Amino acid sequence: RLGGALAYAVSCNAVVKGFGAEAREEARLARVVAKWRLLTGRTWMRGTANGTTQGALLLVMRAAVIGLALILWAWGQASAGDVAFVLTSFFVLQGYLRDIGTHIRNLQRSVNDMEELVDFQSEPLGIEDRPGARPIRITDGRVAFDKVTFHYGNHLLPLYRDFSVDIAAGERIGLVGHSGSGKTTFVKLIQRLY
């Protein structure tokens, strides 16, 4: 969920800024991160404890197998080849068991990742048109700048000084100018991103 929350926060940045909701978005992301930190810490501690326990059990098992093979060899009931066979078989079997654990862990991680996608896909649309709805037609509205002066943060020289423009509803305009002339800034001001 952290990846989704972060992607949402970044990709919807313009909308968040457009509605002045930066504080709310930061608080939402902070809650998700705090929950993720708690769950990750708990999982990490559990994984460390399990790994330590498994390592200790494997060490005891290895000592028992090697000890038994050496005792049988010392008593003359096993040859050096038998000891080598036991050790080789033990290490091969241990490797296979370790690989099975790794594959199970990877499978579980993949299933967990896919679960979020399946849940997301099965969610109904948030807003649906009523049956038979026609496309929206906006007849009124306009964009009007009346003597706008704007400059970036610490810049003393304004990019716009007493800038006025009136764009009627449905009117199409083109923004033309050299790099740095304020085309992108104009669009962002319309969207209230500054």
Protein backbone atom coordinates (compact mmCIF):
# COMPACT_ATOMS: atom_id res chain seq x y z
CA ARG A 1 0.00 0.00 0.00
CA LEU A 2 2.94 2.33 0.55
CA GLY A 3 3.91 2.19 -3.11
CA GLY A 4 0.36 3.01 -4.18
CA ALA A 5 0.03 5.86 -1.69
CA LEU A 6 3.34 7.34 -2.80
CA ALA A 7 2.48 6.99 -6.50
CA TYR A 8 -0.90 8.62 -5.84
CA ALA A 9 0.69 11.51 -3.94
CA VAL A 10 3.22 12.17 -6.71
CA SER A 11 0.96 11.68 -9.72
CA CYS A 12 -1.87 13.77 -8.25
CA ASN A 13 0.39 16.56 -7.05
CA ALA A 14 -1.21 19.13 -9.36
CA VAL A 15 -4.69 18.30 -8.05
CA VAL A 16 -3.52 18.46 -4.43
CA LYS A 17 -1.91 21.85 -5.02
CA GLY A 18 -4.91 23.03 -7.02
CA PHE A 19 -7.15 22.54 -4.01
CA GLY A 20 -4.61 23.65 -1.42
CA ALA A 21 -4.63 20.23 0.25
CA GLU A 22 -0.89 19.81 0.82
CA ALA A 23 -1.21 19.50 4.61
CA ARG A 24 -3.98 16.91 4.33
CA GLU A 25 -2.01 14.91 1.74
CA GLU A 26 1.15 15.01 3.86
CA ALA A 27 -0.81 13.82 6.91
CA ARG A 28 -2.37 10.96 4.90
CA LEU A 29 1.02 9.89 3.56
CA ALA A 30 2.55 10.16 7.06
CA ARG A 31 -0.13 7.79 8.42
CA VAL A 32 0.55 5.25 5.66
CA VAL A 33 4.33 5.48 6.24
CA ALA A 34 3.92 5.09 10.02
CA LYS A 35 1.78 1.97 9.56
CA TRP A 36 4.26 0.59 7.00
CA ARG A 37 7.17 1.26 9.38
CA LEU A 38 5.42 -0.57 12.23
CA LEU A 39 4.50 -3.59 10.10
CA THR A 40 7.91 -3.73 8.43
CA GLY A 41 9.71 -3.56 11.79
CA ARG A 42 7.53 -6.32 13.20
CA THR A 43 8.05 -8.48 10.10
CA TRP A 44 11.78 -7.87 10.16
CA MET A 45 12.04 -8.87 13.84
CA ARG A 46 9.94 -11.99 13.22
CA GLY A 47 12.07 -12.91 10.20
CA THR A 48 15.27 -12.38 12.18
CA ALA A 49 14.00 -14.55 15.04
CA ASN A 50 12.92 -17.29 12.62
CA GLY A 51 16.24 -17.14 10.76
CA THR A 52 18.20 -17.35 14.01
CA THR A 53 16.12 -20.30 15.24
CA GLN A 54 16.49 -22.14 11.93
CA GLY A 55 20.23 -21.44 11.86
CA ALA A 56 20.64 -22.78 15.39
CA LEU A 57 18.61 -25.92 14.62
CA LEU A 58 20.62 -26.55 11.44
CA LEU A 59 23.86 -26.12 13.39
CA VAL A 60 22.71 -28.65 16.00
CA MET A 61 21.60 -31.03 13.25
CA ARG A 62 24.90 -30.63 11.38
CA ALA A 63 26.87 -31.26 14.57
CA ALA A 64 24.77 -34.36 15.32
CA VAL A 65 25.16 -35.80 11.80
CA ILE A 66 28.91 -35.09 11.65
CA GLY A 67 29.40 -36.33 15.22
CA LEU A 68 27.49 -39.56 14.59
CA ALA A 69 29.39 -40.19 11.34
CA LEU A 70 32.73 -39.58 13.07
CA ILE A 71 31.80 -41.81 16.04
CA LEU A 72 30.81 -44.64 13.68
CA TRP A 73 34.08 -44.13 11.76
CA ALA A 74 36.09 -44.16 15.03
CA TRP A 75 34.40 -47.42 16.10
CA GLY A 76 35.17 -48.95 12.73
CA GLN A 77 31.52 -49.28 11.71
CA ALA A 78 31.81 -46.70 8.86
CA SER A 79 34.50 -46.06 6.30
CA ALA A 80 35.88 -42.68 5.26
CA GLY A 81 33.73 -43.00 2.11
CA ASP A 82 30.62 -43.46 4.29
CA VAL A 83 31.49 -40.30 6.25
CA ALA A 84 32.05 -38.38 2.99
CA PHE A 85 28.73 -39.69 1.62
CA VAL A 86 26.83 -38.66 4.77
CA LEU A 87 28.37 -35.17 4.77
CA THR A 88 27.75 -34.65 1.05
CA SER A 89 24.17 -35.91 1.31
CA PHE A 90 23.52 -33.66 4.31
CA PHE A 91 24.82 -30.52 2.57
CA VAL A 92 22.93 -31.26 -0.68
CA LEU A 93 19.71 -31.90 1.25
CA GLN A 94 20.23 -28.74 3.31
CA GLY A 95 20.71 -26.72 0.09
CA TYR A 96 17.49 -28.08 -1.40
CA LEU A 97 15.55 -27.33 1.78
CA ARG A 98 16.95 -23.78 1.86
CA ASP A 99 15.90 -23.29 -1.78
CA ILE A 100 12.39 -24.54 -1.01
CA GLY A 101 12.11 -21.97 1.79
CA THR A 102 13.33 -19.20 -0.52
CA HIS A 103 10.84 -20.19 -3.23
CA ILE A 104 7.97 -20.32 -0.74
CA ARG A 105 8.93 -16.87 0.58
CA ASN A 106 9.07 -15.46 -2.98
CA LEU A 107 5.71 -17.04 -3.80
CA GLN A 108 4.12 -15.53 -0.67
CA ARG A 109 5.55 -12.09 -1.49
CA SER A 110 4.20 -12.33 -5.06
CA VAL A 111 0.75 -13.39 -3.85
CA ASN A 112 0.70 -10.45 -1.42
CA ASP A 113 1.59 -8.03 -4.22
CA MET A 114 -1.06 -9.46 -6.54
CA GLU A 115 -3.72 -9.31 -3.82
CA GLU A 116 -3.70 -5.51 -3.90
CA LEU A 117 -4.05 -5.48 -7.68
CA VAL A 118 -6.99 -7.90 -7.58
CA ASP A 119 -8.69 -5.80 -4.89
CA PHE A 120 -8.12 -2.64 -6.94
CA GLN A 121 -9.48 -4.24 -10.11
CA SER A 122 -12.65 -5.43 -8.37
CA GLU A 123 -13.42 -1.97 -6.92
CA PRO A 124 -16.44 -0.29 -8.54
CA LEU A 125 -15.92 3.07 -10.18
CA GLY A 126 -16.16 5.93 -7.68
CA ILE A 127 -18.48 8.05 -9.82
CA GLU A 128 -20.63 6.66 -12.61
CA ASP A 129 -22.91 8.47 -15.01
CA ARG A 130 -26.56 7.64 -14.70
CA PRO A 131 -27.93 5.46 -17.49
CA GLY A 132 -28.58 7.43 -20.68
CA ALA A 133 -26.60 10.47 -19.53
CA ARG A 134 -25.46 12.79 -22.34
CA PRO A 135 -21.99 14.34 -22.49
CA ILE A 136 -21.66 17.55 -20.48
CA ARG A 137 -21.92 20.86 -22.35
CA ILE A 138 -20.54 23.85 -20.55
CA THR A 139 -22.01 27.05 -21.96
CA ASP A 140 -20.88 29.65 -19.45
CA GLY A 141 -17.53 30.30 -17.93
CA ARG A 142 -14.30 32.06 -18.75
CA VAL A 143 -10.73 32.57 -17.66
CA ALA A 144 -9.97 36.14 -16.70
CA PHE A 145 -6.73 37.69 -15.47
CA ASP A 146 -7.09 41.31 -14.45
CA LYS A 147 -3.81 43.19 -13.93
CA VAL A 148 -1.99 40.16 -12.53
CA THR A 149 1.58 40.63 -11.32
CA PHE A 150 3.51 37.46 -10.57
CA HIS A 151 7.10 36.57 -9.75
CA TYR A 152 8.75 33.41 -8.46
CA GLY A 153 9.82 33.26 -4.81
CA ASN A 154 13.03 35.27 -4.42
CA HIS A 155 13.05 36.76 -7.93
CA LEU A 156 12.71 40.51 -7.78
CA LEU A 157 11.81 40.93 -11.45
CA PRO A 158 8.21 39.82 -12.05
CA LEU A 159 7.45 37.43 -14.89
CA TYR A 160 4.06 39.14 -15.35
CA ARG A 161 3.36 42.78 -14.57
CA ASP A 162 -0.22 44.08 -14.92
CA PHE A 163 -1.04 41.09 -17.12
CA SER A 164 -4.66 41.00 -18.29
CA VAL A 165 -6.35 38.43 -20.48
CA ASP A 166 -9.95 37.31 -20.97
CA ILE A 167 -10.62 33.91 -22.53
CA ALA A 168 -14.27 33.18 -23.31
CA ALA A 169 -15.86 29.78 -22.72
CA GLY A 170 -15.08 27.43 -25.60
CA GLU A 171 -12.48 29.77 -27.06
CA ARG A 172 -9.27 28.08 -28.16
CA ILE A 173 -5.99 29.87 -27.73
CA GLY A 174 -2.38 29.05 -28.43
CA LEU A 175 0.54 30.07 -26.24
CA VAL A 176 3.55 31.09 -28.29
CA GLY A 177 6.84 32.45 -27.01
CA HIS A 178 10.48 31.72 -26.48
CA SER A 179 11.71 29.48 -23.70
CA GLY A 180 11.22 31.10 -20.30
CA SER A 181 8.60 33.59 -21.48
CA GLY A 182 5.95 32.29 -19.05
CA LYS A 183 3.77 29.92 -21.10
CA THR A 184 3.90 27.08 -18.56
CA THR A 185 3.60 29.52 -15.67
CA PHE A 186 0.42 30.94 -17.21
CA VAL A 187 -1.14 27.46 -17.41
CA LYS A 188 -0.13 26.70 -13.82
CA LEU A 189 -1.57 30.00 -12.61
CA ILE A 190 -4.88 29.10 -14.25
CA GLN A 191 -4.79 25.83 -12.31
CA ARG A 192 -3.96 27.74 -9.10
CA LEU A 193 -0.67 25.89 -8.61
CA TYR A 194 1.10 28.99 -7.25
